[in-house]
Amino acid sequence: MQNVSLLALAGLFALQSATGAVGQDSKRPVIHLPKHEARLAYAVQTVSVRAGCFPERLRAILSHIATKTGRRPIVTSGLRPHPRRHGSLHGKCLAADIRVPGLSERTIIAAARTAPGIGGIGSYCNGIIHVDVGPQRRWVDC
């Protein structure tokens, strides 16, 4: 019987200690952050596409394309640590290859041309469009 009363007393003490700790936390100021959806203006084709290093200027170009077309571009290639072409802006994470499902290459290029800060715009035979923040230039590689 003595063990039961000691156990009950220990449980009561533990409960009191726990509520005291909670009371101390309630003295801290509560900061309420607004709830909002964080959504990128673009998506990546696969998890292996490296787009997390894009500078703000490139993200703004992709956002501009999304706004102009009403659809989010899908990034098919971003950072390439070992680019095939020497001097490629993909090696510096300053370029993205994109596609926008349901839209023609012409429509995507027209939206990209009006993006502030756009550098290079290129198109490939497979329907992929290249955009970057380097020097202004245009090309078709087909």
N, C-alpha and C. Protein backbone atom coordinates (compact mmCIF):
# COMPACT_ATOMS: atom_id res chain seq x y z
N MET A 1 0.83 -1.20 0.00
CA MET A 1 0.00 0.00 0.00
C MET A 1 0.87 1.26 0.00
N GLN A 2 1.97 1.18 0.73
CA GLN A 2 2.86 2.32 0.80
C GLN A 2 3.46 2.62 -0.58
N ASN A 3 3.76 1.58 -1.38
CA ASN A 3 4.30 1.76 -2.73
C ASN A 3 3.29 2.46 -3.63
N VAL A 4 2.01 2.11 -3.48
CA VAL A 4 0.97 2.72 -4.31
C VAL A 4 0.85 4.20 -3.99
N SER A 5 0.90 4.55 -2.72
CA SER A 5 0.79 5.97 -2.36
C SER A 5 2.02 6.75 -2.80
N LEU A 6 3.20 6.13 -2.72
CA LEU A 6 4.41 6.80 -3.21
C LEU A 6 4.35 6.99 -4.73
N LEU A 7 3.83 5.99 -5.42
CA LEU A 7 3.70 6.08 -6.88
C LEU A 7 2.71 7.17 -7.26
N ALA A 8 1.60 7.25 -6.55
CA ALA A 8 0.61 8.30 -6.82
C ALA A 8 1.19 9.67 -6.53
N LEU A 9 1.92 9.79 -5.45
CA LEU A 9 2.54 11.06 -5.10
C LEU A 9 3.59 11.47 -6.15
N ALA A 10 4.37 10.51 -6.63
CA ALA A 10 5.37 10.79 -7.67
C ALA A 10 4.68 11.23 -8.96
N GLY A 11 3.57 10.57 -9.31
CA GLY A 11 2.82 10.95 -10.51
C GLY A 11 2.25 12.35 -10.39
N LEU A 12 1.74 12.69 -9.20
CA LEU A 12 1.20 14.03 -8.97
C LEU A 12 2.30 15.07 -9.07
N PHE A 13 3.48 14.78 -8.52
CA PHE A 13 4.60 15.70 -8.59
C PHE A 13 5.05 15.89 -10.05
N ALA A 14 5.10 14.80 -10.80
CA ALA A 14 5.50 14.88 -12.21
C ALA A 14 4.50 15.71 -13.00
N LEU A 15 3.23 15.54 -12.71
CA LEU A 15 2.19 16.29 -13.41
C LEU A 15 2.30 17.77 -13.07
N GLN A 16 2.56 18.09 -11.82
CA GLN A 16 2.70 19.48 -11.41
C GLN A 16 3.93 20.11 -12.07
N SER A 17 5.02 19.37 -12.16
CA SER A 17 6.24 19.89 -12.80
C SER A 17 6.00 20.15 -14.28
N ALA A 18 5.26 19.26 -14.92
CA ALA A 18 4.99 19.42 -16.36
C ALA A 18 4.12 20.63 -16.62
N THR A 19 3.11 20.85 -15.78
CA THR A 19 2.25 22.02 -15.99
C THR A 19 2.98 23.30 -15.67
N GLY A 20 3.93 23.24 -14.74
CA GLY A 20 4.74 24.43 -14.43
C GLY A 20 5.61 24.81 -15.62
N ALA A 21 6.14 23.81 -16.33
CA ALA A 21 6.99 24.08 -17.50
C ALA A 21 6.16 24.69 -18.61
N VAL A 22 4.94 24.21 -18.75
CA VAL A 22 4.07 24.77 -19.79
C VAL A 22 3.73 26.21 -19.44
N GLY A 23 3.51 26.47 -18.15
CA GLY A 23 3.21 27.83 -17.72
C GLY A 23 4.34 28.79 -18.03
N GLN A 24 5.57 28.31 -17.91
CA GLN A 24 6.71 29.17 -18.22
C GLN A 24 6.76 29.51 -19.69
N ASP A 25 6.43 28.56 -20.56
CA ASP A 25 6.42 28.81 -22.00
C ASP A 25 5.35 29.82 -22.38
N SER A 26 4.26 29.87 -21.60
CA SER A 26 3.18 30.79 -21.95
C SER A 26 3.57 32.25 -21.71
N LYS A 27 4.68 32.48 -20.99
CA LYS A 27 5.14 33.85 -20.76
C LYS A 27 5.86 34.42 -21.97
N ARG A 28 6.30 33.56 -22.88
CA ARG A 28 6.99 34.02 -24.08
C ARG A 28 5.99 34.68 -25.03
N PRO A 29 6.42 35.71 -25.72
CA PRO A 29 5.50 36.34 -26.67
C PRO A 29 5.19 35.38 -27.82
N VAL A 30 3.94 35.36 -28.20
CA VAL A 30 3.50 34.48 -29.28
C VAL A 30 3.53 35.27 -30.58
N ILE A 31 4.18 34.72 -31.57
CA ILE A 31 4.26 35.37 -32.88
C ILE A 31 3.40 34.58 -33.84
N HIS A 32 2.43 35.22 -34.43
CA HIS A 32 1.56 34.58 -35.40
C HIS A 32 1.99 35.00 -36.80
N LEU A 33 2.43 34.03 -37.57
CA LEU A 33 2.84 34.31 -38.94
C LEU A 33 1.64 34.12 -39.87
N PRO A 34 1.51 34.97 -40.88
CA PRO A 34 0.39 34.80 -41.80
C PRO A 34 0.55 33.50 -42.58
N LYS A 35 -0.58 32.84 -42.80
CA LYS A 35 -0.56 31.61 -43.58
C LYS A 35 -0.76 31.97 -45.04
N HIS A 36 0.17 31.57 -45.85
CA HIS A 36 0.03 31.79 -47.28
C HIS A 36 0.74 30.66 -48.01
N GLU A 37 0.32 30.44 -49.23
CA GLU A 37 0.88 29.35 -50.01
C GLU A 37 2.17 29.80 -50.67
N ALA A 38 3.22 29.08 -50.43
CA ALA A 38 4.49 29.36 -51.10
C ALA A 38 4.54 28.47 -52.33
N ARG A 39 4.43 29.08 -53.48
CA ARG A 39 4.41 28.32 -54.71
C ARG A 39 5.34 28.98 -55.72
N LEU A 40 6.23 28.20 -56.27
CA LEU A 40 7.13 28.72 -57.28
C LEU A 40 6.38 28.96 -58.58
N ALA A 41 6.92 29.85 -59.38
CA ALA A 41 6.32 30.14 -60.68
C ALA A 41 6.69 29.08 -61.70
N TYR A 42 7.47 28.09 -61.29
CA TYR A 42 7.87 27.03 -62.20
C TYR A 42 7.92 25.71 -61.45
N ALA A 43 7.96 24.63 -62.19
CA ALA A 43 8.10 23.30 -61.62
C ALA A 43 9.34 22.66 -62.23
N VAL A 44 9.84 21.62 -61.60
CA VAL A 44 10.97 20.88 -62.17
C VAL A 44 10.45 19.56 -62.71
N GLN A 45 11.04 19.12 -63.81
CA GLN A 45 10.57 17.91 -64.48
C GLN A 45 10.78 16.68 -63.61
N THR A 46 11.96 16.57 -62.99
CA THR A 46 12.26 15.45 -62.09
C THR A 46 13.02 15.99 -60.88
N VAL A 47 13.12 15.17 -59.86
CA VAL A 47 13.81 15.61 -58.65
C VAL A 47 15.30 15.81 -58.89
N SER A 48 15.82 15.24 -59.96
CA SER A 48 17.26 15.39 -60.23
C SER A 48 17.60 16.72 -60.92
N VAL A 49 16.59 17.47 -61.36
CA VAL A 49 16.84 18.78 -61.98
C VAL A 49 17.25 19.76 -60.89
N ARG A 50 18.38 20.39 -61.06
CA ARG A 50 18.91 21.32 -60.05
C ARG A 50 18.50 22.74 -60.40
N ALA A 51 17.54 23.26 -59.65
CA ALA A 51 17.04 24.61 -59.90
C ALA A 51 17.06 25.47 -58.64
N GLY A 52 17.46 24.92 -57.52
CA GLY A 52 17.47 25.66 -56.26
C GLY A 52 18.48 26.79 -56.21
N CYS A 53 19.43 26.78 -57.12
CA CYS A 53 20.48 27.80 -57.12
C CYS A 53 20.17 28.95 -58.07
N PHE A 54 19.01 28.93 -58.74
CA PHE A 54 18.69 29.99 -59.69
C PHE A 54 18.72 31.35 -59.00
N PRO A 55 19.38 32.33 -59.62
CA PRO A 55 19.37 33.68 -59.04
C PRO A 55 18.00 34.32 -59.22
N GLU A 56 17.75 35.36 -58.46
CA GLU A 56 16.46 36.05 -58.51
C GLU A 56 16.11 36.48 -59.93
N ARG A 57 17.08 36.94 -60.71
CA ARG A 57 16.82 37.39 -62.08
C ARG A 57 16.25 36.27 -62.94
N LEU A 58 16.77 35.06 -62.80
CA LEU A 58 16.28 33.93 -63.59
C LEU A 58 14.91 33.49 -63.10
N ARG A 59 14.71 33.49 -61.79
CA ARG A 59 13.38 33.16 -61.25
C ARG A 59 12.35 34.17 -61.72
N ALA A 60 12.75 35.45 -61.83
CA ALA A 60 11.83 36.49 -62.31
C ALA A 60 11.46 36.25 -63.77
N ILE A 61 12.41 35.80 -64.57
CA ILE A 61 12.12 35.50 -65.98
C ILE A 61 11.12 34.34 -66.07
N LEU A 62 11.33 33.30 -65.29
CA LEU A 62 10.41 32.17 -65.29
C LEU A 62 9.03 32.58 -64.79
N SER A 63 9.00 33.46 -63.79
CA SER A 63 7.73 33.98 -63.28
C SER A 63 7.02 34.81 -64.34
N HIS A 64 7.78 35.61 -65.07
CA HIS A 64 7.21 36.43 -66.15
C HIS A 64 6.59 35.54 -67.22
N ILE A 65 7.28 34.48 -67.60
CA ILE A 65 6.75 33.55 -68.60
C ILE A 65 5.46 32.91 -68.08
N ALA A 66 5.44 32.54 -66.81
CA ALA A 66 4.23 31.95 -66.22
C ALA A 66 3.07 32.93 -66.24
N THR A 67 3.35 34.19 -65.91
CA THR A 67 2.31 35.22 -65.89
C THR A 67 1.77 35.48 -67.29
N LYS A 68 2.68 35.61 -68.25
CA LYS A 68 2.27 35.90 -69.63
C LYS A 68 1.48 34.76 -70.27
N THR A 69 1.85 33.53 -69.97
CA THR A 69 1.21 32.38 -70.62
C THR A 69 0.07 31.79 -69.80
N GLY A 70 0.04 32.10 -68.52
CA GLY A 70 -1.00 31.52 -67.66
C GLY A 70 -0.69 30.09 -67.26
N ARG A 71 0.51 29.63 -67.54
CA ARG A 71 0.91 28.26 -67.18
C ARG A 71 2.33 28.26 -66.64
N ARG A 72 2.57 27.35 -65.69
CA ARG A 72 3.91 27.27 -65.10
C ARG A 72 4.87 26.53 -66.02
N PRO A 73 6.02 27.12 -66.30
CA PRO A 73 7.03 26.40 -67.07
C PRO A 73 7.57 25.22 -66.28
N ILE A 74 7.96 24.18 -66.98
CA ILE A 74 8.61 23.03 -66.36
C ILE A 74 10.08 23.09 -66.73
N VAL A 75 10.93 23.17 -65.72
CA VAL A 75 12.37 23.23 -65.94
C VAL A 75 12.87 21.81 -66.19
N THR A 76 13.44 21.60 -67.37
CA THR A 76 13.98 20.28 -67.72
C THR A 76 15.47 20.18 -67.44
N SER A 77 16.14 21.34 -67.34
CA SER A 77 17.56 21.36 -67.01
C SER A 77 17.91 22.70 -66.38
N GLY A 78 18.64 22.64 -65.30
CA GLY A 78 19.11 23.85 -64.62
C GLY A 78 20.62 23.81 -64.51
N LEU A 79 21.10 23.71 -63.28
CA LEU A 79 22.54 23.63 -63.05
C LEU A 79 23.08 22.31 -63.61
N ARG A 80 24.13 22.43 -64.39
CA ARG A 80 24.86 21.26 -64.86
C ARG A 80 26.30 21.42 -64.36
N PRO A 81 26.68 20.69 -63.32
CA PRO A 81 28.02 20.85 -62.74
C PRO A 81 29.14 20.61 -63.76
N HIS A 82 28.89 19.77 -64.73
CA HIS A 82 29.89 19.48 -65.77
C HIS A 82 29.23 19.67 -67.13
N PRO A 83 29.04 20.94 -67.53
CA PRO A 83 28.34 21.18 -68.80
C PRO A 83 29.14 20.64 -69.99
N ARG A 84 28.39 20.19 -70.99
CA ARG A 84 29.03 19.66 -72.20
C ARG A 84 29.75 20.75 -72.97
N ARG A 85 29.16 21.94 -73.00
CA ARG A 85 29.75 23.04 -73.76
C ARG A 85 30.52 23.94 -72.80
N HIS A 86 31.77 24.21 -73.12
CA HIS A 86 32.60 25.09 -72.30
C HIS A 86 31.99 26.50 -72.28
N GLY A 87 31.88 27.08 -71.11
CA GLY A 87 31.32 28.43 -70.98
C GLY A 87 29.81 28.45 -70.86
N SER A 88 29.16 27.29 -70.83
CA SER A 88 27.70 27.23 -70.71
C SER A 88 27.25 27.89 -69.41
N LEU A 89 26.21 28.68 -69.50
CA LEU A 89 25.67 29.33 -68.30
C LEU A 89 24.97 28.33 -67.38
N HIS A 90 24.68 27.14 -67.89
CA HIS A 90 24.13 26.09 -67.02
C HIS A 90 25.15 25.73 -65.94
N GLY A 91 26.43 25.82 -66.27
CA GLY A 91 27.48 25.49 -65.31
C GLY A 91 27.56 26.47 -64.15
N LYS A 92 26.99 27.66 -64.33
CA LYS A 92 26.98 28.69 -63.27
C LYS A 92 25.58 28.87 -62.68
N CYS A 93 24.65 28.02 -63.08
CA CYS A 93 23.25 28.08 -62.63
C CYS A 93 22.58 29.39 -63.06
N LEU A 94 22.93 29.87 -64.24
CA LEU A 94 22.36 31.11 -64.77
C LEU A 94 21.46 30.85 -65.97
N ALA A 95 21.11 29.58 -66.21
CA ALA A 95 20.30 29.23 -67.37
C ALA A 95 19.32 28.12 -67.02
N ALA A 96 18.21 28.08 -67.76
CA ALA A 96 17.21 27.03 -67.58
C ALA A 96 16.71 26.60 -68.95
N ASP A 97 16.53 25.31 -69.12
CA ASP A 97 15.84 24.78 -70.28
C ASP A 97 14.43 24.45 -69.80
N ILE A 98 13.44 24.91 -70.56
CA ILE A 98 12.05 24.78 -70.11
C ILE A 98 11.16 24.26 -71.23
N ARG A 99 10.00 23.81 -70.82
CA ARG A 99 8.89 23.54 -71.72
C ARG A 99 7.63 23.96 -70.98
N VAL A 100 6.60 24.28 -71.73
CA VAL A 100 5.32 24.63 -71.12
C VAL A 100 4.27 23.78 -71.82
N PRO A 101 3.79 22.73 -71.16
CA PRO A 101 2.84 21.82 -71.80
C PRO A 101 1.62 22.56 -72.34
N GLY A 102 1.26 22.21 -73.56
CA GLY A 102 0.08 22.81 -74.18
C GLY A 102 0.34 24.10 -74.92
N LEU A 103 1.56 24.60 -74.89
CA LEU A 103 1.88 25.84 -75.59
C LEU A 103 2.94 25.60 -76.66
N SER A 104 2.83 26.35 -77.73
CA SER A 104 3.81 26.23 -78.81
C SER A 104 5.12 26.90 -78.41
N GLU A 105 6.18 26.50 -79.10
CA GLU A 105 7.49 27.13 -78.86
C GLU A 105 7.40 28.62 -79.13
N ARG A 106 6.68 28.97 -80.16
CA ARG A 106 6.54 30.38 -80.55
C ARG A 106 5.93 31.20 -79.42
N THR A 107 4.91 30.66 -78.76
CA THR A 107 4.25 31.36 -77.66
C THR A 107 5.20 31.53 -76.47
N ILE A 108 5.95 30.49 -76.17
CA ILE A 108 6.89 30.55 -75.05
C ILE A 108 7.99 31.58 -75.34
N ILE A 109 8.51 31.55 -76.55
CA ILE A 109 9.57 32.49 -76.93
C ILE A 109 9.06 33.93 -76.91
N ALA A 110 7.82 34.14 -77.38
CA ALA A 110 7.24 35.49 -77.36
C ALA A 110 7.14 36.01 -75.93
N ALA A 111 6.75 35.16 -74.99
CA ALA A 111 6.67 35.57 -73.59
C ALA A 111 8.06 35.84 -73.03
N ALA A 112 9.03 35.00 -73.38
CA ALA A 112 10.40 35.17 -72.88
C ALA A 112 11.02 36.46 -73.40
N ARG A 113 10.73 36.83 -74.63
CA ARG A 113 11.31 38.05 -75.22
C ARG A 113 10.94 39.31 -74.44
N THR A 114 9.78 39.30 -73.81
CA THR A 114 9.31 40.49 -73.10
C THR A 114 9.72 40.50 -71.63
N ALA A 115 10.42 39.46 -71.20
CA ALA A 115 10.82 39.36 -69.78
C ALA A 115 11.95 40.34 -69.48
N PRO A 116 11.80 41.15 -68.43
CA PRO A 116 12.89 42.05 -68.03
C PRO A 116 14.13 41.24 -67.64
N GLY A 117 15.28 41.65 -68.12
CA GLY A 117 16.52 40.98 -67.75
C GLY A 117 16.85 39.73 -68.55
N ILE A 118 16.05 39.44 -69.58
CA ILE A 118 16.31 38.24 -70.37
C ILE A 118 17.63 38.38 -71.12
N GLY A 119 18.36 37.30 -71.17
CA GLY A 119 19.61 37.27 -71.93
C GLY A 119 19.40 36.43 -73.17
N GLY A 120 19.89 35.20 -73.11
CA GLY A 120 19.77 34.31 -74.26
C GLY A 120 18.45 33.58 -74.30
N ILE A 121 17.95 33.41 -75.53
CA ILE A 121 16.76 32.59 -75.77
C ILE A 121 17.11 31.67 -76.93
N GLY A 122 17.03 30.39 -76.70
CA GLY A 122 17.32 29.43 -77.75
C GLY A 122 16.24 28.38 -77.83
N SER A 123 16.09 27.79 -79.00
CA SER A 123 15.12 26.71 -79.14
C SER A 123 15.80 25.50 -79.76
N TYR A 124 15.33 24.34 -79.35
CA TYR A 124 15.89 23.08 -79.81
C TYR A 124 14.81 22.27 -80.53
N CYS A 125 15.24 21.31 -81.34
CA CYS A 125 14.31 20.50 -82.14
C CYS A 125 13.30 19.73 -81.29
N ASN A 126 13.66 19.40 -80.08
CA ASN A 126 12.77 18.62 -79.22
C ASN A 126 11.71 19.47 -78.52
N GLY A 127 11.63 20.77 -78.84
CA GLY A 127 10.61 21.63 -78.26
C GLY A 127 11.04 22.32 -76.97
N ILE A 128 12.25 22.08 -76.54
CA ILE A 128 12.76 22.71 -75.32
C ILE A 128 13.25 24.12 -75.65
N ILE A 129 12.95 25.06 -74.75
CA ILE A 129 13.38 26.46 -74.89
C ILE A 129 14.41 26.75 -73.81
N HIS A 130 15.50 27.39 -74.20
CA HIS A 130 16.56 27.79 -73.27
C HIS A 130 16.38 29.27 -72.96
N VAL A 131 16.44 29.63 -71.68
CA VAL A 131 16.45 31.04 -71.26
C VAL A 131 17.59 31.22 -70.27
N ASP A 132 18.23 32.39 -70.34
CA ASP A 132 19.31 32.66 -69.39
C ASP A 132 19.41 34.15 -69.11
N VAL A 133 20.30 34.49 -68.18
CA VAL A 133 20.50 35.88 -67.78
C VAL A 133 21.84 36.43 -68.27
N GLY A 134 22.42 35.77 -69.25
CA GLY A 134 23.68 36.22 -69.83
C GLY A 134 23.45 37.31 -70.86
N PRO A 135 24.40 37.50 -71.78
CA PRO A 135 24.25 38.50 -72.84
C PRO A 135 23.05 38.17 -73.73
N GLN A 136 22.46 39.21 -74.32
CA GLN A 136 21.30 38.99 -75.20
C GLN A 136 21.76 38.33 -76.49
N ARG A 137 21.10 37.23 -76.82
CA ARG A 137 21.35 36.53 -78.07
C ARG A 137 20.20 35.57 -78.31
N ARG A 138 20.04 35.18 -79.58
CA ARG A 138 18.96 34.26 -79.97
C ARG A 138 19.57 33.18 -80.85
N TRP A 139 19.03 31.96 -80.76
CA TRP A 139 19.49 30.90 -81.65
C TRP A 139 18.45 29.80 -81.77
N VAL A 140 18.57 29.06 -82.85
CA VAL A 140 17.78 27.85 -83.09
C VAL A 140 18.79 26.75 -83.36
N ASP A 141 18.73 25.69 -82.59
CA ASP A 141 19.65 24.57 -82.75
C ASP A 141 18.84 23.35 -83.15
N CYS A 142 18.71 23.19 -84.47
CA CYS A 142 17.86 22.12 -84.95
C CYS A 142 18.51 21.40 -86.12
